[in-house]
Protein backbone atom coordinates (compact mmCIF):
# COMPACT_ATOMS: atom_id res chain seq x y z
CA UNK A 1 0.00 0.00 0.00
CA UNK A 2 2.87 2.32 0.80
CA UNK A 3 4.34 1.94 -2.72
CA UNK A 4 1.07 2.56 -4.79
CA UNK A 5 1.44 5.70 -6.97
CA UNK A 6 -0.89 8.51 -6.17
CA UNK A 7 -2.31 10.35 -9.31
CA UNK A 8 -1.24 13.95 -9.25
CA UNK A 9 -4.05 16.37 -8.53
CA UNK A 10 -2.89 18.59 -11.45
CA UNK A 11 -3.45 15.98 -14.26
CA UNK A 12 -5.92 17.40 -16.85
CA UNK A 13 -9.22 15.73 -17.47
CA UNK A 14 -11.02 15.47 -20.83
CA UNK A 15 -13.83 17.67 -19.61
CA UNK A 16 -11.86 20.95 -19.58
CA UNK A 17 -8.73 20.49 -21.77
CA UNK A 18 -7.96 19.62 -25.33
CA UNK A 19 -5.43 16.99 -26.32
CA UNK A 20 -3.02 19.74 -27.31
CA UNK A 21 -3.18 21.44 -24.07
CA UNK A 22 -5.21 24.50 -25.43
CA UNK A 23 -8.65 25.68 -24.33
CA UNK A 24 -11.46 24.34 -26.56
CA UNK A 25 -13.87 27.24 -26.11
CA UNK A 26 -11.90 29.88 -28.17
CA UNK A 27 -11.51 27.46 -31.08
CA UNK A 28 -15.23 26.74 -31.14
CA UNK A 29 -15.92 30.47 -30.99
CA UNK A 30 -13.54 31.23 -33.92
CA UNK A 31 -15.15 28.52 -36.00
CA UNK A 32 -18.53 29.99 -35.28
CA UNK A 33 -17.34 33.51 -36.33
CA UNK A 34 -15.72 32.13 -39.49
CA UNK A 35 -18.93 30.34 -40.41
CA UNK A 36 -20.95 33.50 -39.88
CA UNK A 37 -18.50 35.48 -42.01
CA UNK A 38 -18.69 32.93 -44.84
CA UNK A 39 -22.47 32.95 -44.61
CA UNK A 40 -22.51 36.76 -44.72
CA UNK A 41 -20.20 36.83 -47.78
CA UNK A 42 -22.26 34.21 -49.57
CA UNK A 43 -25.38 36.17 -48.74
CA UNK A 44 -23.84 39.34 -50.20
CA UNK A 45 -22.68 37.46 -53.30
CA UNK A 46 -26.05 35.87 -53.85
CA UNK A 47 -27.75 39.24 -53.35
CA UNK A 48 -25.34 40.83 -55.83
CA UNK A 49 -25.84 38.06 -58.35
CA UNK A 50 -29.59 38.31 -57.89
CA UNK A 51 -29.54 42.07 -58.31
CA UNK A 52 -27.31 41.77 -61.36
CA UNK A 53 -29.61 39.13 -62.84
CA UNK A 54 -32.56 41.39 -62.19
CA UNK A 55 -30.83 44.32 -63.92
CA UNK A 56 -29.96 42.12 -66.89
CA UNK A 57 -33.58 40.98 -67.18
CA UNK A 58 -34.93 44.52 -66.88
CA UNK A 59 -32.40 46.18 -69.21
CA UNK A 60 -32.51 43.41 -71.80
CA UNK A 61 -36.30 43.35 -72.03
CA UNK A 62 -36.44 46.02 -74.76
CA UNK A 63 -33.10 45.39 -76.47
CA UNK A 64 -33.15 45.11 -80.28
CA UNK A 65 -32.15 41.89 -82.00
CA UNK A 66 -28.61 42.09 -83.34
CA UNK A 67 -29.39 39.49 -86.03
CA UNK A 68 -30.97 42.28 -88.05
CA UNK A 69 -27.42 43.41 -88.87
CA UNK A 70 -27.13 40.35 -91.12
CA UNK A 71 -29.06 42.42 -93.67
CA UNK A 72 -27.17 45.63 -92.82
CA UNK A 73 -26.31 47.90 -95.75
CA UNK A 74 -24.48 51.12 -94.96
CA UNK A 75 -25.44 54.37 -96.67
CA UNK A 76 -22.97 54.96 -99.49
CA UNK A 77 -22.40 57.59 -102.14
CA UNK A 78 -24.10 57.65 -105.50
CA UNK A 79 -21.43 58.18 -108.16
CA UNK A 80 -21.74 59.51 -111.70
CA UNK A 81 -19.39 58.33 -114.45
CA UNK A 82 -18.42 59.86 -117.79
CA UNK A 83 -18.44 57.71 -120.93
CA UNK A 84 -14.82 56.63 -120.23
CA UNK A 85 -15.55 55.55 -116.62
CA UNK A 86 -14.13 58.66 -114.94
CA UNK A 87 -16.04 59.81 -111.85
CA UNK A 88 -17.56 63.23 -112.57
CA UNK A 89 -19.73 63.69 -109.49
CA UNK A 90 -21.19 62.14 -106.35
CA UNK A 91 -24.23 62.66 -104.12
CA UNK A 92 -24.32 61.63 -100.47
CA UNK A 93 -25.58 62.51 -97.02
CA UNK A 94 -22.62 60.52 -95.68
CA UNK A 95 -19.48 60.18 -97.78
CA UNK A 96 -18.63 56.49 -97.39
CA UNK A 97 -16.72 53.98 -99.52
CA UNK A 98 -17.27 50.40 -98.34
CA UNK A 99 -14.20 48.40 -97.31
CA UNK A 100 -13.88 44.62 -97.05
CA UNK A 101 -11.79 43.05 -94.31
CA UNK A 102 -9.00 41.92 -96.64
CA UNK A 103 -8.67 45.49 -97.94
CA UNK A 104 -7.75 46.86 -94.51
CA UNK A 105 -3.93 46.91 -94.23
CA UNK A 106 -2.28 45.38 -91.13
CA UNK A 107 -0.72 48.72 -90.14
CA UNK A 108 -4.20 50.26 -89.86
CA UNK A 109 -5.65 47.28 -87.91
CA UNK A 110 -2.68 47.38 -85.53
CA UNK A 111 -3.10 51.12 -84.99
CA UNK A 112 -6.84 50.82 -84.28
CA UNK A 113 -6.57 47.87 -81.91
CA UNK A 114 -3.58 49.33 -80.03
CA UNK A 115 -5.42 52.54 -79.17
CA UNK A 116 -9.05 51.37 -79.05
CA UNK A 117 -9.25 47.70 -78.06
CA UNK A 118 -6.01 45.85 -77.31
CA UNK A 119 -7.79 42.59 -76.34
CA UNK A 120 -10.24 42.62 -79.25
CA UNK A 121 -9.18 39.18 -80.51
CA UNK A 122 -9.66 37.49 -77.12
CA UNK A 123 -12.58 39.15 -75.28
CA UNK A 124 -16.25 38.17 -75.59
CA UNK A 125 -17.51 41.67 -76.28
CA UNK A 126 -16.63 43.19 -72.91
CA UNK A 127 -12.97 43.59 -71.91
CA UNK A 128 -12.82 42.76 -68.18
CA UNK A 129 -9.05 43.31 -68.08
CA UNK A 130 -9.47 46.67 -69.76
CA UNK A 131 -12.20 47.69 -67.32
CA UNK A 132 -10.04 46.81 -64.31
CA UNK A 133 -7.01 48.57 -65.78
CA UNK A 134 -9.05 51.70 -66.56
CA UNK A 135 -10.59 51.68 -63.08
CA UNK A 136 -7.19 51.43 -61.41
CA UNK A 137 -5.81 54.24 -63.57
CA UNK A 138 -8.83 56.42 -62.80
CA UNK A 139 -8.42 55.78 -59.06
CA UNK A 140 -4.69 56.51 -59.10
CA UNK A 141 -5.17 59.79 -60.96
CA UNK A 142 -8.47 60.54 -59.19
CA UNK A 143 -10.21 61.41 -62.46
CA UNK A 144 -11.60 59.67 -65.52
CA UNK A 145 -8.54 59.27 -67.75
CA UNK A 146 -9.58 56.54 -70.15
CA UNK A 147 -12.56 54.48 -71.19
CA UNK A 148 -12.86 50.73 -71.50
CA UNK A 149 -15.41 50.34 -74.30
CA UNK A 150 -14.47 47.68 -76.81
CA UNK A 151 -14.95 48.05 -80.56
CA UNK A 152 -17.98 45.77 -80.21
CA UNK A 153 -19.50 48.01 -77.55
CA UNK A 154 -18.87 51.09 -79.69
CA UNK A 155 -20.56 49.36 -82.60
CA UNK A 156 -23.60 48.36 -80.53
CA UNK A 157 -23.89 51.94 -79.26
CA UNK A 158 -23.72 53.37 -82.78
CA UNK A 159 -26.27 50.96 -84.26
CA UNK A 160 -28.79 50.55 -81.46
CA UNK A 161 -28.37 53.07 -78.62
CA UNK A 162 -28.25 56.77 -77.94
CA UNK A 163 -25.03 58.57 -76.90
CA UNK A 164 -26.41 59.42 -73.45
CA UNK A 165 -24.11 58.61 -70.54
CA UNK A 166 -26.01 56.52 -68.00
CA UNK A 167 -25.64 53.26 -66.10
CA UNK A 168 -28.60 51.77 -67.94
CA UNK A 169 -27.06 52.55 -71.33
CA UNK A 170 -23.70 51.06 -70.32
CA UNK A 171 -25.37 47.81 -69.21
CA UNK A 172 -27.39 47.61 -72.43
CA UNK A 173 -24.26 48.37 -74.45
CA UNK A 174 -22.43 45.47 -72.80
CA UNK A 175 -25.36 43.07 -73.32
CA UNK A 176 -25.62 44.01 -76.99
CA UNK A 177 -21.87 43.60 -77.40
CA UNK A 178 -22.05 40.05 -76.08
CA UNK A 179 -24.87 39.31 -78.53
CA UNK A 180 -22.87 40.77 -81.41
CA UNK A 181 -19.90 38.55 -80.53
CA UNK A 182 -22.18 35.48 -80.56
CA UNK A 183 -23.64 36.17 -84.00
CA UNK A 184 -20.69 37.70 -85.90
CA UNK A 185 -17.01 36.87 -86.33
CA UNK A 186 -14.22 39.20 -85.27
CA UNK A 187 -13.41 40.18 -88.89
CA UNK A 188 -17.08 40.99 -89.52
CA UNK A 189 -17.30 43.17 -86.39
CA UNK A 190 -14.06 44.98 -87.19
CA UNK A 191 -15.17 45.59 -90.80
CA UNK A 192 -18.55 47.02 -89.75
CA UNK A 193 -16.80 49.27 -87.23
CA UNK A 194 -14.25 50.42 -89.84
CA UNK A 195 -17.03 51.36 -92.29
CA UNK A 196 -19.29 53.09 -89.76
CA UNK A 197 -17.11 55.45 -87.72
CA UNK A 198 -17.42 59.22 -88.13
CA UNK A 199 -14.29 61.11 -89.23
CA UNK A 200 -15.85 64.56 -89.52
CA UNK A 201 -16.40 66.77 -92.60
CA UNK A 202 -19.15 64.37 -93.72
CA UNK A 203 -16.75 61.41 -94.04
CA UNK A 204 -17.63 57.98 -92.64
CA UNK A 205 -15.39 54.93 -92.68
CA UNK A 206 -11.65 54.63 -93.16
CA UNK A 207 -11.62 54.51 -96.97
CA UNK A 208 -13.55 57.76 -97.36
CA UNK A 209 -11.40 59.39 -94.66
CA UNK A 210 -8.18 58.20 -96.33
CA UNK A 211 -9.27 59.56 -99.70
CA UNK A 212 -10.38 62.87 -98.17
CA UNK A 213 -7.40 63.59 -95.90
CA UNK A 214 -4.58 62.05 -97.96
CA UNK A 215 -5.92 61.52 -101.49
CA UNK A 216 -5.09 57.80 -101.39
CA UNK A 217 -6.66 54.42 -100.65
CA UNK A 218 -6.20 52.79 -97.22
CA UNK A 219 -3.85 50.19 -98.75
CA UNK A 220 -1.39 53.00 -99.52
CA UNK A 221 -1.29 54.54 -96.03
CA UNK A 222 2.03 55.05 -94.28
CA UNK A 223 2.49 54.35 -90.56
CA UNK A 224 1.97 57.98 -89.39
CA UNK A 225 -1.03 58.38 -91.72
CA UNK A 226 -2.64 55.18 -90.42
CA UNK A 227 -2.00 56.29 -86.83
CA UNK A 228 -3.62 59.68 -87.45
CA UNK A 229 -6.76 58.09 -88.92
CA UNK A 230 -6.94 55.55 -86.08
CA UNK A 231 -7.00 58.39 -83.55
CA UNK A 232 -9.90 60.35 -85.03
CA UNK A 233 -12.98 58.14 -84.30
CA UNK A 234 -12.54 58.59 -80.54
CA UNK A 235 -13.83 62.15 -81.05
CA UNK A 236 -13.93 63.42 -84.63
CA UNK A 237 -14.65 67.00 -83.54
CA UNK A 238 -11.80 67.26 -81.03
CA UNK A 239 -9.17 65.38 -83.08
CA UNK A 240 -10.05 66.77 -86.53
CA UNK A 241 -6.79 67.57 -88.37
CA UNK A 242 -8.64 70.36 -90.19
CA UNK A 243 -10.06 72.14 -87.13
CA UNK A 244 -7.42 71.21 -84.53
CA UNK A 245 -4.17 70.10 -86.24
CA UNK A 246 -2.17 70.33 -83.00
CA UNK A 247 -4.60 68.02 -81.19
CA UNK A 248 -4.63 65.64 -84.15
CA UNK A 249 -0.83 65.50 -84.07
CA UNK A 250 -0.80 64.84 -80.31
CA UNK A 251 -3.44 62.11 -80.69
CA UNK A 252 -1.53 60.51 -83.59
CA UNK A 253 1.62 60.33 -81.47
CA UNK A 254 -0.41 58.75 -78.65
CA UNK A 255 -1.54 56.06 -81.10
CA UNK A 256 2.08 55.49 -82.14
CA UNK A 257 3.09 55.15 -78.47
CA UNK A 258 0.30 52.59 -77.95
CA UNK A 259 1.52 50.63 -80.97
CA UNK A 260 5.07 50.64 -79.57
CA UNK A 261 3.82 49.51 -76.16
CA UNK A 262 1.76 46.79 -77.85
CA UNK A 263 4.80 45.50 -79.75
CA UNK A 264 3.39 46.37 -83.18
CA UNK A 265 6.23 48.71 -84.17
CA UNK A 266 9.88 49.08 -83.21
CA UNK A 267 11.41 52.05 -81.42
CA UNK A 268 13.13 53.37 -84.61
CA UNK A 269 9.79 53.16 -86.45
CA UNK A 270 8.12 55.01 -83.59
CA UNK A 271 10.70 57.81 -83.55
CA UNK A 272 10.61 58.26 -87.33
CA UNK A 273 6.81 58.31 -87.48
CA UNK A 274 6.54 60.64 -84.49
CA UNK A 275 8.79 63.19 -86.22
CA UNK A 276 6.72 63.16 -89.44
CA UNK A 277 4.28 66.04 -90.15
CA UNK A 278 0.56 65.38 -90.58
CA UNK A 279 1.07 65.49 -94.35
CA UNK A 280 -2.55 66.28 -95.24
CA UNK A 281 -3.57 66.39 -98.90
CA UNK A 282 -7.23 67.38 -98.65
CA UNK A 283 -9.45 66.30 -101.52
CA UNK A 284 -12.90 67.55 -102.45
CA UNK A 285 -15.78 65.16 -103.09
CA UNK A 286 -17.34 67.66 -105.47
CA UNK A 287 -15.77 67.24 -108.91
CA UNK A 288 -15.64 70.44 -110.95
CA UNK A 289 -16.24 68.57 -114.20
CA UNK A 290 -19.49 69.64 -115.86
CA UNK A 291 -21.25 70.85 -112.67
CA UNK A 292 -24.40 71.91 -114.55
CA UNK A 293 -24.61 68.56 -116.32
CA UNK A 294 -24.13 66.71 -113.01
CA UNK A 295 -26.82 68.79 -111.33
CA UNK A 296 -29.25 68.08 -114.17
CA UNK A 297 -28.61 64.33 -113.82
CA UNK A 298 -29.19 64.58 -110.04
CA UNK A 299 -32.59 66.23 -110.55
CA UNK A 300 -33.55 63.55 -113.07
CA UNK A 301 -32.52 60.75 -110.67
CA UNK A 302 -34.40 62.26 -107.72
CA UNK A 303 -37.58 62.59 -109.76
CA UNK A 304 -37.33 58.96 -110.83
CA UNK A 305 -36.00 57.23 -107.70
CA UNK A 306 -36.48 59.68 -104.85
CA UNK A 307 -33.99 61.78 -102.87
CA UNK A 308 -33.25 59.11 -100.22
CA UNK A 309 -32.29 56.51 -102.83
CA UNK A 310 -30.03 58.96 -104.66
CA UNK A 311 -28.34 60.27 -101.51
CA UNK A 312 -27.86 57.02 -99.58
CA UNK A 313 -28.18 53.86 -101.68
CA UNK A 314 -24.96 54.01 -103.66
CA UNK A 315 -26.28 54.14 -107.22
CA UNK A 316 -23.80 53.80 -110.08
CA UNK A 317 -24.90 56.14 -112.87
CA UNK A 318 -23.24 55.94 -116.29
CA UNK A 319 -23.69 59.00 -118.49
CA UNK A 320 -22.86 59.98 -122.07
CA UNK A 321 -20.57 62.87 -121.05
CA UNK A 322 -17.28 63.03 -122.97
CA UNK A 323 -14.77 64.77 -120.71
CA UNK A 324 -12.40 65.81 -123.53
CA UNK A 325 -15.18 67.51 -125.49
CA UNK A 326 -16.52 69.03 -122.27
CA UNK A 327 -13.16 70.63 -121.44
CA UNK A 328 -12.66 71.90 -124.98
CA UNK A 329 -16.13 73.46 -125.13
CA UNK A 330 -15.83 75.12 -121.72
CA UNK A 331 -12.36 76.47 -122.56
CA UNK A 332 -13.59 77.85 -125.90
CA UNK A 333 -16.58 79.49 -124.21
CA UNK A 334 -14.47 81.00 -121.44
CA UNK A 335 -11.92 82.49 -123.85
CA UNK A 336 -14.69 83.75 -126.11
CA UNK A 337 -16.31 85.56 -123.18
CA UNK A 338 -12.97 87.15 -122.18
CA UNK A 339 -12.22 88.24 -125.76
CA UNK A 340 -15.72 89.67 -126.22
CA UNK A 341 -15.49 91.55 -122.92
CA UNK A 342 -12.10 93.07 -123.77
CA UNK A 343 -13.50 94.38 -127.06
CA UNK A 344 -15.92 96.41 -124.95
CA UNK A 345 -13.02 98.29 -123.32
CA UNK A 346 -11.05 98.49 -120.08
CA UNK A 347 -13.20 99.08 -116.96
CA UNK A 348 -10.39 99.75 -114.47
CA UNK A 349 -8.85 97.88 -111.54
CA UNK A 350 -10.92 95.59 -109.31
CA UNK A 351 -9.68 97.26 -106.12
CA UNK A 352 -6.75 99.11 -104.60
CA UNK A 353 -5.55 97.93 -101.20
CA UNK A 354 -3.99 101.32 -100.35
CA UNK A 355 -6.99 103.53 -101.16
CA UNK A 356 -9.67 100.94 -100.29
CA UNK A 357 -8.23 98.27 -97.97
CA UNK A 358 -10.25 95.04 -98.07
CA UNK A 359 -9.83 94.51 -94.33
CA UNK A 360 -7.47 94.18 -91.42
CA UNK A 361 -4.70 91.63 -90.95
CA UNK A 362 -3.49 91.05 -87.40
CA UNK A 363 -5.10 94.31 -86.24
CA UNK A 364 -3.36 96.48 -88.88
CA UNK A 365 -4.18 97.41 -92.46
CA UNK A 366 -2.81 95.18 -95.20
CA UNK A 367 0.30 96.42 -97.01
CA UNK A 368 2.07 95.59 -100.25
CA UNK A 369 4.17 93.08 -98.31
CA UNK A 370 1.40 91.43 -96.27
CA UNK A 371 -1.42 91.24 -98.82
CA UNK A 372 -2.35 87.70 -99.92
CA UNK A 373 -4.91 86.55 -102.47
CA UNK A 374 -6.85 83.27 -102.56
CA UNK A 375 -5.75 82.79 -106.19
CA UNK A 376 -2.17 82.38 -104.99
CA UNK A 377 -3.05 79.25 -103.02
CA UNK A 378 -3.90 77.37 -106.23
CA UNK A 379 -1.48 75.98 -108.83
CA UNK A 380 -0.44 78.50 -111.48
CA UNK A 381 -1.31 77.04 -114.90
CA UNK A 382 -0.33 78.42 -118.28
CA UNK A 383 -3.55 79.45 -120.02
CA UNK A 384 -5.30 80.21 -116.74
CA UNK A 385 -6.11 83.45 -114.95
CA UNK A 386 -4.83 84.80 -111.64
CA UNK A 387 -5.12 88.04 -109.69
CA UNK A 388 -1.95 90.06 -109.10
CA UNK A 389 -0.93 92.98 -106.88
CA UNK A 390 0.76 95.98 -108.54
CA UNK A 391 3.74 96.86 -106.33
CA UNK A 392 5.52 99.46 -108.46
CA UNK A 393 4.78 101.52 -111.60
CA UNK A 394 7.66 102.62 -113.86
CA UNK A 395 7.56 104.65 -117.10
CA UNK A 396 8.01 101.53 -119.25
CA UNK A 397 6.50 98.74 -117.12
CA UNK A 398 4.65 97.78 -113.94
CA UNK A 399 5.87 95.24 -111.38
CA UNK A 400 3.16 92.81 -110.28
CA UNK A 401 3.39 90.29 -107.42
CA UNK A 402 1.66 86.90 -107.41
CA UNK A 403 2.58 85.53 -103.99
CA UNK A 404 6.21 84.37 -104.26
CA UNK A 405 6.20 84.97 -108.05
CA UNK A 406 6.45 88.25 -109.94
CA UNK A 407 5.94 89.65 -113.45
CA UNK A 408 6.96 92.72 -115.42
CA UNK A 409 3.97 94.02 -117.41
CA UNK A 410 4.85 96.14 -120.47
CA UNK A 411 2.60 98.12 -122.85
CA UNK A 412 2.50 95.10 -125.19
CA UNK A 413 0.77 93.14 -122.42
CA UNK A 414 -2.17 95.59 -122.25
CA UNK A 415 -2.33 96.78 -125.86
CA UNK A 416 -6.04 95.86 -126.08
CA UNK A 417 -6.82 98.74 -123.69
CA UNK A 418 -5.47 101.24 -126.29
CA UNK A 419 -3.29 102.80 -123.58
CA UNK A 420 0.43 103.22 -124.15
CA UNK A 421 1.74 104.08 -120.68
CA UNK A 422 1.62 101.85 -117.57
CA UNK A 423 0.70 104.92 -115.51
CA UNK A 424 -2.55 105.22 -117.51
CA UNK A 425 -3.55 101.73 -116.41
CA UNK A 426 -1.88 100.91 -113.09
CA UNK A 427 -1.45 102.46 -109.66
CA UNK A 428 0.56 101.01 -106.79
CA UNK A 429 -1.75 98.78 -104.74
CA UNK A 430 -4.06 97.82 -107.63
CA UNK A 431 -5.42 94.27 -107.71
CA UNK A 432 -6.10 93.16 -111.30
CA UNK A 433 -6.81 89.98 -113.21
CA UNK A 434 -4.05 88.64 -115.49
CA UNK A 435 -3.86 85.79 -118.01
CA UNK A 436 -0.81 83.51 -117.57
CA UNK A 437 1.14 83.11 -120.81
CA UNK A 438 4.40 81.61 -119.54
CA UNK A 439 5.97 80.41 -116.27
CA UNK A 440 9.76 80.39 -115.85
CA UNK A 441 11.18 79.75 -112.39
CA UNK A 442 9.77 82.47 -110.15
CA UNK A 443 8.90 84.76 -113.05
CA UNK A 444 5.61 84.91 -114.91
CA UNK A 445 4.77 86.34 -118.30
CA UNK A 446 1.24 87.68 -118.06
CA UNK A 447 -1.15 89.90 -119.97
CA UNK A 448 -3.75 92.19 -118.43
CA UNK A 449 -7.30 90.85 -118.38
CA UNK A 450 -10.58 91.47 -116.56
CA UNK A 451 -13.54 89.45 -115.28
CA UNK A 452 -16.17 89.39 -118.06
CA UNK A 453 -19.49 91.12 -117.47
CA UNK A 454 -21.04 88.81 -120.06
CA UNK A 455 -22.17 85.32 -119.11
CA UNK A 456 -22.59 82.37 -121.46
CA UNK A 457 -23.45 78.70 -121.79
CA UNK A 458 -22.68 75.99 -124.32
CA UNK A 459 -24.49 72.77 -125.17
CA UNK A 460 -22.85 70.14 -127.37
CA UNK A 461 -25.07 67.39 -128.82
CA UNK A 462 -24.07 64.53 -131.10
CA UNK A 463 -27.08 64.41 -133.41
């Protein structure tokens, strides 16, 4: 009995200790809190999913069906052709030339996707990565710095929605974009976008914009030209190279930087393109070939087919006009009117900028050195007419300035006036019309002329 071990009074019992020697109550309490937290998170998630599902149902109830775009036909120009196939005129509410996907050069696709939708090839209509990146950037800079709309979203907004900025419109835009991605391929979506976007000045689509701004087809665009065009659709009013050339240049360089960051161009290509000027070569859609004939054909077409068809349905109209005969007849008429008018005598100068200044330039009156005429902005062609500024009158001749060019006008060049002295005809500061006879370097040979008072018309018919 003396040697039996006595259990120590301090040995733990299972009723108040865990096998690890830690209290059981705190662990049970932490598990209970964790379970409540998980339940609360799941409740929030389910509420959010339910609310989102409700919004989707509500906002998608009145959405249009994107399948109607399968029959989509963009408004395009009606073009008139002469008998040799030359375009002599066009009618359009929206100047647009339809492009097919294989006509869009890689440099233009790379420029567009780099600045507008970098993940276009991989997203399902909505770019989640782009949204997160834009949100982070906005938070860091504490202002809205960039959007996250994909090309598909932009297309759905243009076709089906209004430009209002609201949460409802953004949700509908995303839903429509997902539908578009389900029914159309990436090349089809990109092609519709490329043909629809507004470039300002009545031009829609990249081909029309390329022809208008650079006088070339999209397949001929250089890297800086493609980058400039890619930057315009974001806001055609703000980034118009006609209205805001400095903003257009800044935007173009931003597109180039995006292409460099996206690995589409090398650093030397970026530097060379960034240093290039805008290089605009603006073209006019209105051809000055037989304008009266073209207008007569337009009236005939509108009477027969209606104004909407003529202005938007892209008719191809082949006429009997012979351009060579048209030019010859107009030239003969114009020279006949000038010759007839000169036989009626000299009427005097059109204006004198010293005695009767046409206006102010930079807050001061125009001078012999600062005066500029619109005629000087056009090419000087032998056989044509141009206004000139008389800068000096000598006993045997008068010096006349035509922008950077000049001419010495002698009595032989105004013999039809029956005056023999330049002082009888000219005064310093006179602005007169002259006919160009010869162009040598920076010197012109001209004869005095005047704008005819007589008007005329000619009609040539092959009986």
